[in-house]
Amino acid sequence: MGKGFLKYTLLLTTLCIITCTSASAQTKSADEINKELSLSRKKIDSLDKLLINVLGSRQRIVKEIGIYKKKNNIPPLQPARFKQVVDKAIIAGQREGLSAEFVTQLMNAIHDESLRIEGDSTLKH
């Protein structure tokens, strides 16, 4: 047997090992995958709950601000203040590895909800 045959056999064996290993990793059942991911998913669920709680707390303060603005004839939309909020959030987000685009979209969504709440608050008082 020549060197070419040995190289060919070694290459085939290596490919077989890679293919077999890859195939066995792909044959995990959904139950196995879910079990392996369950701890991480529980952490995410807990953090999601915390996020919602923090956002709820934030919006309760927004409601107070809406009442104050109504009593003092201040419009709900304060563009300069919102720019400050977004700029601070982008800097904080960068420290956490979040893109400026994501943080901006998130803050825009929060701001839209804040304006809705301020508008509701101003109608009631």
PDB file of N, CA and C in Angstrom:
ATOM      1  N   MET A   1       0.848  -1.172   0.000  1.00  0.00           N
ATOM      2  CA  MET A   1       0.000   0.000   0.000  1.00  0.00           C
ATOM      3  C   MET A   1       0.891   1.232   0.000  1.00  0.00           C
ATOM      4  N   GLY A   2       0.531   2.186  -0.824  1.00  0.00           N
ATOM      5  CA  GLY A   2       1.351   3.371  -0.961  1.00  0.00           C
ATOM      6  C   GLY A   2       0.944   4.459   0.010  1.00  0.00           C
ATOM      7  N   LYS A   3       1.766   5.516   0.029  1.00  0.00           N
ATOM      8  CA  LYS A   3       1.516   6.654   0.908  1.00  0.00           C
ATOM      9  C   LYS A   3       0.201   7.348   0.541  1.00  0.00           C
ATOM     10  N   GLY A   4      -0.115   7.404  -0.723  1.00  0.00           N
ATOM     11  CA  GLY A   4      -1.354   8.029  -1.179  1.00  0.00           C
ATOM     12  C   GLY A   4      -2.575   7.324  -0.592  1.00  0.00           C
ATOM     13  N   PHE A   5      -2.512   5.989  -0.572  1.00  0.00           N
ATOM     14  CA  PHE A   5      -3.620   5.209  -0.028  1.00  0.00           C
ATOM     15  C   PHE A   5      -3.771   5.470   1.464  1.00  0.00           C
ATOM     16  N   LEU A   6      -2.655   5.542   2.203  1.00  0.00           N
ATOM     17  CA  LEU A   6      -2.706   5.804   3.645  1.00  0.00           C
ATOM     18  C   LEU A   6      -3.267   7.196   3.928  1.00  0.00           C
ATOM     19  N   LYS A   7      -2.852   8.199   3.148  1.00  0.00           N
ATOM     20  CA  LYS A   7      -3.381   9.553   3.314  1.00  0.00           C
ATOM     21  C   LYS A   7      -4.879   9.569   3.037  1.00  0.00           C
ATOM     22  N   TYR A   8      -5.269   8.873   1.983  1.00  0.00           N
ATOM     23  CA  TYR A   8      -6.677   8.801   1.616  1.00  0.00           C
ATOM     24  C   TYR A   8      -7.487   8.133   2.732  1.00  0.00           C
ATOM     25  N   THR A   9      -6.970   7.051   3.288  1.00  0.00           N
ATOM     26  CA  THR A   9      -7.644   6.333   4.369  1.00  0.00           C
ATOM     27  C   THR A   9      -7.738   7.204   5.621  1.00  0.00           C
ATOM     28  N   LEU A  10      -6.658   7.923   5.938  1.00  0.00           N
ATOM     29  CA  LEU A  10      -6.651   8.806   7.096  1.00  0.00           C
ATOM     30  C   LEU A  10      -7.664   9.933   6.912  1.00  0.00           C
ATOM     31  N   LEU A  11      -7.715  10.490   5.733  1.00  0.00           N
ATOM     32  CA  LEU A  11      -8.665  11.546   5.430  1.00  0.00           C
ATOM     33  C   LEU A  11     -10.099  11.043   5.554  1.00  0.00           C
ATOM     34  N   LEU A  12     -10.362   9.864   5.005  1.00  0.00           N
ATOM     35  CA  LEU A  12     -11.696   9.271   5.088  1.00  0.00           C
ATOM     36  C   LEU A  12     -12.087   8.995   6.539  1.00  0.00           C
ATOM     37  N   THR A  13     -11.170   8.482   7.318  1.00  0.00           N
ATOM     38  CA  THR A  13     -11.435   8.190   8.733  1.00  0.00           C
ATOM     39  C   THR A  13     -11.750   9.479   9.489  1.00  0.00           C
ATOM     40  N   THR A  14     -10.955  10.506   9.235  1.00  0.00           N
ATOM     41  CA  THR A  14     -11.185  11.801   9.892  1.00  0.00           C
ATOM     42  C   THR A  14     -12.551  12.358   9.527  1.00  0.00           C
ATOM     43  N   LEU A  15     -12.898  12.317   8.247  1.00  0.00           N
ATOM     44  CA  LEU A  15     -14.201  12.798   7.815  1.00  0.00           C
ATOM     45  C   LEU A  15     -15.337  12.010   8.447  1.00  0.00           C
ATOM     46  N   CYS A  16     -15.152  10.717   8.558  1.00  0.00           N
ATOM     47  CA  CYS A  16     -16.167   9.858   9.180  1.00  0.00           C
ATOM     48  C   CYS A  16     -16.367  10.226  10.641  1.00  0.00           C
ATOM     49  N   ILE A  17     -15.258  10.454  11.352  1.00  0.00           N
ATOM     50  CA  ILE A  17     -15.350  10.820  12.770  1.00  0.00           C
ATOM     51  C   ILE A  17     -16.071  12.150  12.918  1.00  0.00           C
ATOM     52  N   ILE A  18     -15.700  13.118  12.097  1.00  0.00           N
ATOM     53  CA  ILE A  18     -16.346  14.426  12.158  1.00  0.00           C
ATOM     54  C   ILE A  18     -17.829  14.307  11.834  1.00  0.00           C
ATOM     55  N   THR A  19     -18.154  13.576  10.798  1.00  0.00           N
ATOM     56  CA  THR A  19     -19.547  13.407  10.389  1.00  0.00           C
ATOM     57  C   THR A  19     -20.349  12.667  11.450  1.00  0.00           C
ATOM     58  N   CYS A  20     -19.789  11.621  12.003  1.00  0.00           N
ATOM     59  CA  CYS A  20     -20.493  10.844  13.019  1.00  0.00           C
ATOM     60  C   CYS A  20     -20.692  11.661  14.289  1.00  0.00           C
ATOM     61  N   THR A  21     -19.679  12.409  14.704  1.00  0.00           N
ATOM     62  CA  THR A  21     -19.792  13.249  15.897  1.00  0.00           C
ATOM     63  C   THR A  21     -20.837  14.325  15.678  1.00  0.00           C
ATOM     64  N   SER A  22     -20.799  14.938  14.519  1.00  0.00           N
ATOM     65  CA  SER A  22     -21.756  15.980  14.184  1.00  0.00           C
ATOM     66  C   SER A  22     -23.166  15.405  14.137  1.00  0.00           C
ATOM     67  N   ALA A  23     -23.322  14.263  13.559  1.00  0.00           N
ATOM     68  CA  ALA A  23     -24.640  13.630  13.442  1.00  0.00           C
ATOM     69  C   ALA A  23     -25.199  13.285  14.813  1.00  0.00           C
ATOM     70  N   SER A  24     -24.348  12.799  15.719  1.00  0.00           N
ATOM     71  CA  SER A  24     -24.859  12.436  17.044  1.00  0.00           C
ATOM     72  C   SER A  24     -25.276  13.673  17.813  1.00  0.00           C
ATOM     73  N   ALA A  25     -24.602  14.798  17.603  1.00  0.00           N
ATOM     74  CA  ALA A  25     -24.978  16.035  18.272  1.00  0.00           C
ATOM     75  C   ALA A  25     -26.318  16.545  17.747  1.00  0.00           C
ATOM     76  N   GLN A  26     -26.625  16.250  16.509  1.00  0.00           N
ATOM     77  CA  GLN A  26     -27.854  16.731  15.907  1.00  0.00           C
ATOM     78  C   GLN A  26     -29.043  15.821  16.203  1.00  0.00           C
ATOM     79  N   THR A  27     -28.820  14.674  16.770  1.00  0.00           N
ATOM     80  CA  THR A  27     -29.923  13.741  16.999  1.00  0.00           C
ATOM     81  C   THR A  27     -30.509  13.844  18.403  1.00  0.00           C
ATOM     82  N   LYS A  28     -30.180  14.900  19.137  1.00  0.00           N
ATOM     83  CA  LYS A  28     -30.765  15.069  20.462  1.00  0.00           C
ATOM     84  C   LYS A  28     -32.252  15.345  20.308  1.00  0.00           C
ATOM     85  N   SER A  29     -33.015  14.804  21.217  1.00  0.00           N
ATOM     86  CA  SER A  29     -34.460  15.026  21.171  1.00  0.00           C
ATOM     87  C   SER A  29     -34.775  16.421  21.706  1.00  0.00           C
ATOM     88  N   ALA A  30     -35.973  16.861  21.422  1.00  0.00           N
ATOM     89  CA  ALA A  30     -36.421  18.159  21.913  1.00  0.00           C
ATOM     90  C   ALA A  30     -36.420  18.175  23.438  1.00  0.00           C
ATOM     91  N   ASP A  31     -36.775  17.047  24.058  1.00  0.00           N
ATOM     92  CA  ASP A  31     -36.766  16.965  25.520  1.00  0.00           C
ATOM     93  C   ASP A  31     -35.361  17.138  26.080  1.00  0.00           C
ATOM     94  N   GLU A  32     -34.381  16.499  25.416  1.00  0.00           N
ATOM     95  CA  GLU A  32     -32.992  16.632  25.859  1.00  0.00           C
ATOM     96  C   GLU A  32     -32.508  18.072  25.714  1.00  0.00           C
ATOM     97  N   ILE A  33     -32.833  18.665  24.608  1.00  0.00           N
ATOM     98  CA  ILE A  33     -32.423  20.051  24.372  1.00  0.00           C
ATOM     99  C   ILE A  33     -33.076  20.974  25.395  1.00  0.00           C
ATOM    100  N   ASN A  34     -34.384  20.802  25.609  1.00  0.00           N
ATOM    101  CA  ASN A  34     -35.091  21.636  26.583  1.00  0.00           C
ATOM    102  C   ASN A  34     -34.529  21.465  27.978  1.00  0.00           C
ATOM    103  N   LYS A  35     -34.167  20.241  28.343  1.00  0.00           N
ATOM    104  CA  LYS A  35     -33.601  19.978  29.660  1.00  0.00           C
ATOM    105  C   LYS A  35     -32.255  20.690  29.807  1.00  0.00           C
ATOM    106  N   GLU A  36     -31.437  20.618  28.762  1.00  0.00           N
ATOM    107  CA  GLU A  36     -30.128  21.262  28.806  1.00  0.00           C
ATOM    108  C   GLU A  36     -30.241  22.781  28.865  1.00  0.00           C
ATOM    109  N   LEU A  37     -31.266  23.330  28.250  1.00  0.00           N
ATOM    110  CA  LEU A  37     -31.441  24.780  28.216  1.00  0.00           C
ATOM    111  C   LEU A  37     -32.298  25.320  29.360  1.00  0.00           C
ATOM    112  N   SER A  38     -32.901  24.441  30.156  1.00  0.00           N
ATOM    113  CA  SER A  38     -33.890  24.880  31.137  1.00  0.00           C
ATOM    114  C   SER A  38     -33.329  25.857  32.173  1.00  0.00           C
ATOM    115  N   LEU A  39     -32.134  25.656  32.666  1.00  0.00           N
ATOM    116  CA  LEU A  39     -31.572  26.555  33.670  1.00  0.00           C
ATOM    117  C   LEU A  39     -31.379  27.955  33.079  1.00  0.00           C
ATOM    118  N   SER A  40     -30.809  28.013  31.888  1.00  0.00           N
ATOM    119  CA  SER A  40     -30.616  29.312  31.234  1.00  0.00           C
ATOM    120  C   SER A  40     -31.954  29.974  30.944  1.00  0.00           C
ATOM    121  N   ARG A  41     -32.935  29.192  30.527  1.00  0.00           N
ATOM    122  CA  ARG A  41     -34.252  29.756  30.238  1.00  0.00           C
ATOM    123  C   ARG A  41     -34.919  30.278  31.506  1.00  0.00           C
ATOM    124  N   LYS A  42     -34.715  29.592  32.627  1.00  0.00           N
ATOM    125  CA  LYS A  42     -35.262  30.065  33.904  1.00  0.00           C
ATOM    126  C   LYS A  42     -34.624  31.391  34.292  1.00  0.00           C
ATOM    127  N   LYS A  43     -33.334  31.536  34.042  1.00  0.00           N
ATOM    128  CA  LYS A  43     -32.647  32.804  34.321  1.00  0.00           C
ATOM    129  C   LYS A  43     -33.225  33.921  33.455  1.00  0.00           C
ATOM    130  N   ILE A  44     -33.445  33.624  32.175  1.00  0.00           N
ATOM    131  CA  ILE A  44     -34.020  34.623  31.274  1.00  0.00           C
ATOM    132  C   ILE A  44     -35.431  34.993  31.726  1.00  0.00           C
ATOM    133  N   ASP A  45     -36.247  34.000  32.092  1.00  0.00           N
ATOM    134  CA  ASP A  45     -37.609  34.272  32.565  1.00  0.00           C
ATOM    135  C   ASP A  45     -37.591  35.183  33.788  1.00  0.00           C
ATOM    136  N   SER A  46     -36.663  34.914  34.704  1.00  0.00           N
ATOM    137  CA  SER A  46     -36.538  35.724  35.907  1.00  0.00           C
ATOM    138  C   SER A  46     -36.133  37.161  35.568  1.00  0.00           C
ATOM    139  N   LEU A  47     -35.191  37.312  34.647  1.00  0.00           N
ATOM    140  CA  LEU A  47     -34.762  38.648  34.236  1.00  0.00           C
ATOM    141  C   LEU A  47     -35.865  39.373  33.477  1.00  0.00           C
ATOM    142  N   ASP A  48     -36.638  38.651  32.657  1.00  0.00           N
ATOM    143  CA  ASP A  48     -37.766  39.267  31.952  1.00  0.00           C
ATOM    144  C   ASP A  48     -38.778  39.815  32.951  1.00  0.00           C
ATOM    145  N   LYS A  49     -39.054  39.045  33.987  1.00  0.00           N
ATOM    146  CA  LYS A  49     -39.990  39.485  35.027  1.00  0.00           C
ATOM    147  C   LYS A  49     -39.455  40.739  35.711  1.00  0.00           C
ATOM    148  N   LEU A  50     -38.161  40.747  36.005  1.00  0.00           N
ATOM    149  CA  LEU A  50     -37.536  41.903  36.623  1.00  0.00           C
ATOM    150  C   LEU A  50     -37.620  43.130  35.711  1.00  0.00           C
ATOM    151  N   LEU A  51     -37.356  42.932  34.413  1.00  0.00           N
ATOM    152  CA  LEU A  51     -37.471  44.029  33.454  1.00  0.00           C
ATOM    153  C   LEU A  51     -38.869  44.641  33.463  1.00  0.00           C
ATOM    154  N   ILE A  52     -39.875  43.793  33.449  1.00  0.00           N
ATOM    155  CA  ILE A  52     -41.263  44.272  33.441  1.00  0.00           C
ATOM    156  C   ILE A  52     -41.571  45.019  34.727  1.00  0.00           C
ATOM    157  N   ASN A  53     -41.087  44.492  35.863  1.00  0.00           N
ATOM    158  CA  ASN A  53     -41.308  45.176  37.139  1.00  0.00           C
ATOM    159  C   ASN A  53     -40.638  46.554  37.162  1.00  0.00           C
ATOM    160  N   VAL A  54     -39.419  46.631  36.660  1.00  0.00           N
ATOM    161  CA  VAL A  54     -38.708  47.912  36.610  1.00  0.00           C
ATOM    162  C   VAL A  54     -39.437  48.883  35.680  1.00  0.00           C
ATOM    163  N   LEU A  55     -39.874  48.386  34.526  1.00  0.00           N
ATOM    164  CA  LEU A  55     -40.607  49.250  33.602  1.00  0.00           C
ATOM    165  C   LEU A  55     -41.922  49.737  34.225  1.00  0.00           C
ATOM    166  N   GLY A  56     -42.584  48.871  34.959  1.00  0.00           N
ATOM    167  CA  GLY A  56     -43.809  49.277  35.648  1.00  0.00           C
ATOM    168  C   GLY A  56     -43.531  50.374  36.663  1.00  0.00           C
ATOM    169  N   SER A  57     -42.451  50.229  37.432  1.00  0.00           N
ATOM    170  CA  SER A  57     -42.064  51.261  38.399  1.00  0.00           C
ATOM    171  C   SER A  57     -41.758  52.575  37.690  1.00  0.00           C
ATOM    172  N   ARG A  58     -41.048  52.473  36.583  1.00  0.00           N
ATOM    173  CA  ARG A  58     -40.710  53.670  35.808  1.00  0.00           C
ATOM    174  C   ARG A  58     -41.978  54.366  35.322  1.00  0.00           C
ATOM    175  N   GLN A  59     -42.932  53.610  34.844  1.00  0.00           N
ATOM    176  CA  GLN A  59     -44.145  54.200  34.287  1.00  0.00           C
ATOM    177  C   GLN A  59     -45.033  54.810  35.369  1.00  0.00           C
ATOM    178  N   ARG A  60     -44.953  54.295  36.589  1.00  0.00           N
ATOM    179  CA  ARG A  60     -45.710  54.923  37.682  1.00  0.00           C
ATOM    180  C   ARG A  60     -45.159  56.326  37.956  1.00  0.00           C
ATOM    181  N   ILE A  61     -43.843  56.471  37.851  1.00  0.00           N
ATOM    182  CA  ILE A  61     -43.229  57.799  38.019  1.00  0.00           C
ATOM    183  C   ILE A  61     -43.608  58.698  36.847  1.00  0.00           C
ATOM    184  N   VAL A  62     -43.652  58.122  35.658  1.00  0.00           N
ATOM    185  CA  VAL A  62     -44.085  58.879  34.475  1.00  0.00           C
ATOM    186  C   VAL A  62     -45.490  59.432  34.696  1.00  0.00           C
ATOM    187  N   LYS A  63     -46.343  58.640  35.307  1.00  0.00           N
ATOM    188  CA  LYS A  63     -47.716  59.088  35.571  1.00  0.00           C
ATOM    189  C   LYS A  63     -47.700  60.301  36.501  1.00  0.00           C
ATOM    190  N   GLU A  64     -46.857  60.265  37.519  1.00  0.00           N
ATOM    191  CA  GLU A  64     -46.724  61.409  38.432  1.00  0.00           C
ATOM    192  C   GLU A  64     -46.246  62.646  37.666  1.00  0.00           C
ATOM    193  N   ILE A  65     -45.278  62.444  36.773  1.00  0.00           N
ATOM    194  CA  ILE A  65     -44.763  63.546  35.965  1.00  0.00           C
ATOM    195  C   ILE A  65     -45.861  64.096  35.067  1.00  0.00           C
ATOM    196  N   GLY A  66     -46.676  63.225  34.505  1.00  0.00           N
ATOM    197  CA  GLY A  66     -47.781  63.665  33.658  1.00  0.00           C
ATOM    198  C   GLY A  66     -48.756  64.550  34.410  1.00  0.00           C
ATOM    199  N   ILE A  67     -49.046  64.191  35.637  1.00  0.00           N
ATOM    200  CA  ILE A  67     -49.949  64.996  36.465  1.00  0.00           C
ATOM    201  C   ILE A  67     -49.316  66.360  36.749  1.00  0.00           C
ATOM    202  N   TYR A  68     -48.053  66.352  37.082  1.00  0.00           N
ATOM    203  CA  TYR A  68     -47.342  67.601  37.351  1.00  0.00           C
ATOM    204  C   TYR A  68     -47.338  68.502  36.111  1.00  0.00           C
ATOM    205  N   LYS A  69     -47.025  67.911  34.961  1.00  0.00           N
ATOM    206  CA  LYS A  69     -46.979  68.688  33.726  1.00  0.00           C
ATOM    207  C   LYS A  69     -48.339  69.299  33.413  1.00  0.00           C
ATOM    208  N   LYS A  70     -49.399  68.554  33.639  1.00  0.00           N
ATOM    209  CA  LYS A  70     -50.749  69.057  33.355  1.00  0.00           C
ATOM    210  C   LYS A  70     -51.070  70.240  34.268  1.00  0.00           C
ATOM    211  N   LYS A  71     -50.752  70.098  35.544  1.00  0.00           N
ATOM    212  CA  LYS A  71     -51.038  71.171  36.505  1.00  0.00           C
ATOM    213  C   LYS A  71     -50.239  72.433  36.191  1.00  0.00           C
ATOM    214  N   ASN A  72     -49.087  72.283  35.577  1.00  0.00           N
ATOM    215  CA  ASN A  72     -48.200  73.405  35.323  1.00  0.00           C
ATOM    216  C   ASN A  72     -48.119  73.787  33.838  1.00  0.00           C
ATOM    217  N   ASN A  73     -49.089  73.298  33.066  1.00  0.00           N
ATOM    218  CA  ASN A  73     -49.176  73.622  31.637  1.00  0.00           C
ATOM    219  C   ASN A  73     -47.871  73.356  30.883  1.00  0.00           C
ATOM    220  N   ILE A  74     -47.288  72.202  31.134  1.00  0.00           N
ATOM    221  CA  ILE A  74     -46.069  71.776  30.442  1.00  0.00           C
ATOM    222  C   ILE A  74     -46.455  70.679  29.468  1.00  0.00           C
ATOM    223  N   PRO A  75     -46.066  70.791  28.207  1.00  0.00           N
ATOM    224  CA  PRO A  75     -46.434  69.747  27.244  1.00  0.00           C
ATOM    225  C   PRO A  75     -45.760  68.408  27.592  1.00  0.00           C
ATOM    226  N   PRO A  76     -46.454  67.297  27.325  1.00  0.00           N
ATOM    227  CA  PRO A  76     -45.867  65.983  27.630  1.00  0.00           C
ATOM    228  C   PRO A  76     -44.539  65.730  26.917  1.00  0.00           C
ATOM    229  N   LEU A  77     -44.448  66.136  25.666  1.00  0.00           N
ATOM    230  CA  LEU A  77     -43.236  65.879  24.888  1.00  0.00           C
ATOM    231  C   LEU A  77     -42.177  66.931  25.191  1.00  0.00           C
ATOM    232  N   GLN A  78     -41.021  66.481  25.676  1.00  0.00           N
ATOM    233  CA  GLN A  78     -39.874  67.337  25.970  1.00  0.00           C
ATOM    234  C   GLN A  78     -38.670  66.782  25.201  1.00  0.00           C
ATOM    235  N   PRO A  79     -38.504  67.176  23.932  1.00  0.00           N
ATOM    236  CA  PRO A  79     -37.467  66.578  23.075  1.00  0.00           C
ATOM    237  C   PRO A  79     -36.046  66.638  23.647  1.00  0.00           C
ATOM    238  N   ALA A  80     -35.669  67.749  24.254  1.00  0.00           N
ATOM    239  CA  ALA A  80     -34.304  67.870  24.795  1.00  0.00           C
ATOM    240  C   ALA A  80     -34.086  66.859  25.924  1.00  0.00           C
ATOM    241  N   ARG A  81     -35.079  66.712  26.780  1.00  0.00           N
ATOM    242  CA  ARG A  81     -34.975  65.742  27.881  1.00  0.00           C
ATOM    243  C   ARG A  81     -34.890  64.321  27.337  1.00  0.00           C
ATOM    244  N   PHE A  82     -35.702  64.018  26.343  1.00  0.00           N
ATOM    245  CA  PHE A  82     -35.679  62.676  25.774  1.00  0.00           C
ATOM    246  C   PHE A  82     -34.325  62.379  25.143  1.00  0.00           C
ATOM    247  N   LYS A  83     -33.733  63.357  24.481  1.00  0.00           N
ATOM    248  CA  LYS A  83     -32.402  63.161  23.895  1.00  0.00           C
ATOM    249  C   LYS A  83     -31.378  62.829  24.984  1.00  0.00           C
ATOM    250  N   GLN A  84     -31.461  63.513  26.120  1.00  0.00           N
ATOM    251  CA  GLN A  84     -30.560  63.223  27.242  1.00  0.00           C
ATOM    252  C   GLN A  84     -30.739  61.776  27.718  1.00  0.00           C
ATOM    253  N   VAL A  85     -31.988  61.372  27.833  1.00  0.00           N
ATOM    254  CA  VAL A  85     -32.290  60.015  28.298  1.00  0.00           C
ATOM    255  C   VAL A  85     -31.706  58.979  27.340  1.00  0.00           C
ATOM    256  N   VAL A  86     -31.914  59.185  26.053  1.00  0.00           N
ATOM    257  CA  VAL A  86     -31.408  58.234  25.047  1.00  0.00           C
ATOM    258  C   VAL A  86     -29.886  58.216  25.053  1.00  0.00           C
ATOM    259  N   ASP A  87     -29.267  59.383  25.090  1.00  0.00           N
ATOM    260  CA  ASP A  87     -27.799  59.449  25.082  1.00  0.00           C
ATOM    261  C   ASP A  87     -27.205  58.703  26.280  1.00  0.00           C
ATOM    262  N   LYS A  88     -27.776  58.908  27.452  1.00  0.00           N
ATOM    263  CA  LYS A  88     -27.301  58.193  28.652  1.00  0.00           C
ATOM    264  C   LYS A  88     -27.500  56.687  28.502  1.00  0.00           C
ATOM    265  N   ALA A  89     -28.638  56.312  27.954  1.00  0.00           N
ATOM    266  CA  ALA A  89     -28.942  54.886  27.788  1.00  0.00           C
ATOM    267  C   ALA A  89     -27.983  54.238  26.787  1.00  0.00           C
ATOM    268  N   ILE A  90     -27.635  54.953  25.734  1.00  0.00           N
ATOM    269  CA  ILE A  90     -26.702  54.401  24.743  1.00  0.00           C
ATOM    270  C   ILE A  90     -25.348  54.148  25.388  1.00  0.00           C
ATOM    271  N   ILE A  91     -24.878  55.085  26.183  1.00  0.00           N
ATOM    272  CA  ILE A  91     -23.585  54.919  26.868  1.00  0.00           C
ATOM    273  C   ILE A  91     -23.645  53.724  27.820  1.00  0.00           C
ATOM    274  N   ALA A  92     -24.710  53.643  28.603  1.00  0.00           N
ATOM    275  CA  ALA A  92     -24.862  52.507  29.523  1.00  0.00           C
ATOM    276  C   ALA A  92     -24.974  51.201  28.753  1.00  0.00           C
ATOM    277  N   GLY A  93     -25.693  51.231  27.647  1.00  0.00           N
ATOM    278  CA  GLY A  93     -25.852  50.038  26.827  1.00  0.00           C
ATOM    279  C   GLY A  93     -24.539  49.563  26.235  1.00  0.00           C
ATOM    280  N   GLN A  94     -23.711  50.496  25.813  1.00  0.00           N
ATOM    281  CA  GLN A  94     -22.404  50.133  25.255  1.00  0.00           C
ATOM    282  C   GLN A  94     -21.570  49.380  26.282  1.00  0.00           C
ATOM    283  N   ARG A  95     -21.661  49.789  27.540  1.00  0.00           N
ATOM    284  CA  ARG A  95     -20.914  49.090  28.605  1.00  0.00           C
ATOM    285  C   ARG A  95     -21.413  47.656  28.781  1.00  0.00           C
ATOM    286  N   GLU A  96     -22.645  47.405  28.374  1.00  0.00           N
ATOM    287  CA  GLU A  96     -23.234  46.070  28.484  1.00  0.00           C
ATOM    288  C   GLU A  96     -23.150  45.294  27.173  1.00  0.00           C
ATOM    289  N   GLY A  97     -22.520  45.888  26.176  1.00  0.00           N
ATOM    290  CA  GLY A  97     -22.384  45.206  24.889  1.00  0.00           C
ATOM    291  C   GLY A  97     -23.607  45.321  23.995  1.00  0.00           C
ATOM    292  N   LEU A  98     -24.467  46.300  24.264  1.00  0.00           N
ATOM    293  CA  LEU A  98     -25.678  46.494  23.474  1.00  0.00           C
ATOM    294  C   LEU A  98     -25.425  47.544  22.400  1.00  0.00           C
ATOM    295  N   SER A  99     -25.986  47.330  21.234  1.00  0.00           N
ATOM    296  CA  SER A  99     -25.793  48.283  20.140  1.00  0.00           C
ATOM    297  C   SER A  99     -26.598  49.552  20.401  1.00  0.00           C
ATOM    298  N   ALA A 100     -26.085  50.655  19.871  1.00  0.00           N
ATOM    299  CA  ALA A 100     -26.782  51.934  19.991  1.00  0.00           C
ATOM    300  C   ALA A 100     -28.157  51.854  19.320  1.00  0.00           C
ATOM    301  N   GLU A 101     -28.219  51.123  18.204  1.00  0.00           N
ATOM    302  CA  GLU A 101     -29.496  50.978  17.487  1.00  0.00           C
ATOM    303  C   GLU A 101     -30.536  50.284  18.371  1.00  0.00           C
ATOM    304  N   PHE A 102     -30.138  49.199  19.023  1.00  0.00           N
ATOM    305  CA  PHE A 102     -31.071  48.481  19.897  1.00  0.00           C
ATOM    306  C   PHE A 102     -31.532  49.368  21.043  1.00  0.00           C
ATOM    307  N   VAL A 103     -30.584  50.035  21.696  1.00  0.00           N
ATOM    308  CA  VAL A 103     -30.926  50.881  22.849  1.00  0.00           C
ATOM    309  C   VAL A 103     -31.857  52.005  22.409  1.00  0.00           C
ATOM    310  N   THR A 104     -31.585  52.588  21.259  1.00  0.00           N
ATOM    311  CA  THR A 104     -32.435  53.668  20.750  1.00  0.00           C
ATOM    312  C   THR A 104     -33.849  53.163  20.490  1.00  0.00           C
ATOM    313  N   GLN A 105     -33.976  51.995  19.866  1.00  0.00           N
ATOM    314  CA  GLN A 105     -35.307  51.421  19.610  1.00  0.00           C
ATOM    315  C   GLN A 105     -36.027  51.139  20.929  1.00  0.00           C
ATOM    316  N   LEU A 106     -35.306  50.589  21.878  1.00  0.00           N
ATOM    317  CA  LEU A 106     -35.901  50.291  23.189  1.00  0.00           C
ATOM    318  C   LEU A 106     -36.385  51.569  23.867  1.00  0.00           C
ATOM    319  N   MET A 107     -35.535  52.576  23.877  1.00  0.00           N
ATOM    320  CA  MET A 107     -35.911  53.832  24.531  1.00  0.00           C
ATOM    321  C   MET A 107     -37.057  54.518  23.799  1.00  0.00           C
ATOM    322  N   ASN A 108     -37.097  54.409  22.477  1.00  0.00           N
ATOM    323  CA  ASN A 108     -38.236  54.964  21.731  1.00  0.00           C
ATOM    324  C   ASN A 108     -39.540  54.269  22.122  1.00  0.00           C
ATOM    325  N   ALA A 109     -39.489  52.954  22.271  1.00  0.00           N
ATOM    326  CA  ALA A 109     -40.690  52.207  22.671  1.00  0.00           C
ATOM    327  C   ALA A 109     -41.129  52.613  24.078  1.00  0.00           C
ATOM    328  N   ILE A 110     -40.165  52.731  24.980  1.00  0.00           N
ATOM    329  CA  ILE A 110     -40.478  53.145  26.354  1.00  0.00           C
ATOM    330  C   ILE A 110     -41.049  54.565  26.345  1.00  0.00           C
ATOM    331  N   HIS A 111     -40.457  55.438  25.543  1.00  0.00           N
ATOM    332  CA  HIS A 111     -40.918  56.823  25.468  1.00  0.00           C
ATOM    333  C   HIS A 111     -42.330  56.913  24.905  1.00  0.00           C
ATOM    334  N   ASP A 112     -42.619  56.123  23.877  1.00  0.00           N
ATOM    335  CA  ASP A 112     -43.975  56.112  23.318  1.00  0.00           C
ATOM    336  C   ASP A 112     -44.993  55.733  24.391  1.00  0.00           C
ATOM    337  N   GLU A 113     -44.660  54.716  25.175  1.00  0.00           N
ATOM    338  CA  GLU A 113     -45.563  54.289  26.251  1.00  0.00           C
ATOM    339  C   GLU A 113     -45.657  55.373  27.325  1.00  0.00           C
ATOM    340  N   SER A 114     -44.549  56.034  27.602  1.00  0.00           N
ATOM    341  CA  SER A 114     -44.545  57.117  28.589  1.00  0.00           C
ATOM    342  C   SER A 114     -45.459  58.258  28.148  1.00  0.00           C
ATOM    343  N   LEU A 115     -45.374  58.626  26.890  1.00  0.00           N
ATOM    344  CA  LEU A 115     -46.245  59.691  26.381  1.00  0.00           C
ATOM    345  C   LEU A 115     -47.712  59.279  26.460  1.00  0.00           C
ATOM    346  N   ARG A 116     -47.984  58.011  26.187  1.00  0.00           N
ATOM    347  CA  ARG A 116     -49.363  57.523  26.302  1.00  0.00           C
ATOM    348  C   ARG A 116     -49.850  57.652  27.735  1.00  0.00           C
ATOM    349  N   ILE A 117     -48.999  57.249  28.678  1.00  0.00           N
ATOM    350  CA  ILE A 117     -49.367  57.298  30.093  1.00  0.00           C
ATOM    351  C   ILE A 117     -49.499  58.746  30.559  1.00  0.00           C
ATOM    352  N   GLU A 118     -48.576  59.611  30.148  1.00  0.00           N
ATOM    353  CA  GLU A 118     -48.677  61.015  30.524  1.00  0.00           C
ATOM    354  C   GLU A 118     -49.962  61.619  29.974  1.00  0.00           C
ATOM    355  N   GLY A 119     -50.311  61.245  28.753  1.00  0.00           N
ATOM    356  CA  GLY A 119     -51.554  61.738  28.175  1.00  0.00           C
ATOM    357  C   GLY A 119     -52.764  61.259  28.951  1.00  0.00           C
ATOM    358  N   ASP A 120     -52.764  59.988  29.366  1.00  0.00           N
ATOM    359  CA  ASP A 120     -53.865  59.452  30.185  1.00  0.00           C
ATOM    360  C   ASP A 120     -53.911  60.154  31.523  1.00  0.00           C
ATOM    361  N   SER A 121     -52.740  60.416  32.101  1.00  0.00           N
ATOM    362  CA  SER A 121     -52.666  61.069  33.406  1.00  0.00           C
ATOM    363  C   SER A 121     -53.213  62.481  33.341  1.00  0.00           C
ATOM    364  N   THR A 122     -52.890  63.180  32.258  1.00  0.00           N
ATOM    365  CA  THR A 122     -53.317  64.563  32.161  1.00  0.00           C
ATOM    366  C   THR A 122     -54.824  64.669  31.952  1.00  0.00           C
ATOM    367  N   LEU A 123     -55.434  63.648  31.393  1.00  0.00           N
ATOM    368  CA  LEU A 123     -56.878  63.677  31.192  1.00  0.00           C
ATOM    369  C   LEU A 123     -57.635  63.474  32.499  1.00  0.00           C
ATOM    370  N   LYS A 124     -57.035  62.787  33.440  1.00  0.00           N
ATOM    371  CA  LYS A 124     -57.726  62.449  34.682  1.00  0.00           C
ATOM    372  C   LYS A 124     -57.560  63.533  35.745  1.00  0.00           C
ATOM    373  N   HIS A 125     -56.630  64.450  35.549  1.00  0.00           N
ATOM    374  CA  HIS A 125     -56.390  65.470  36.586  1.00  0.00           C
ATOM    375  C   HIS A 125     -56.345  66.848  36.009  1.00  0.00           C
TER     376      HIS A 125
END
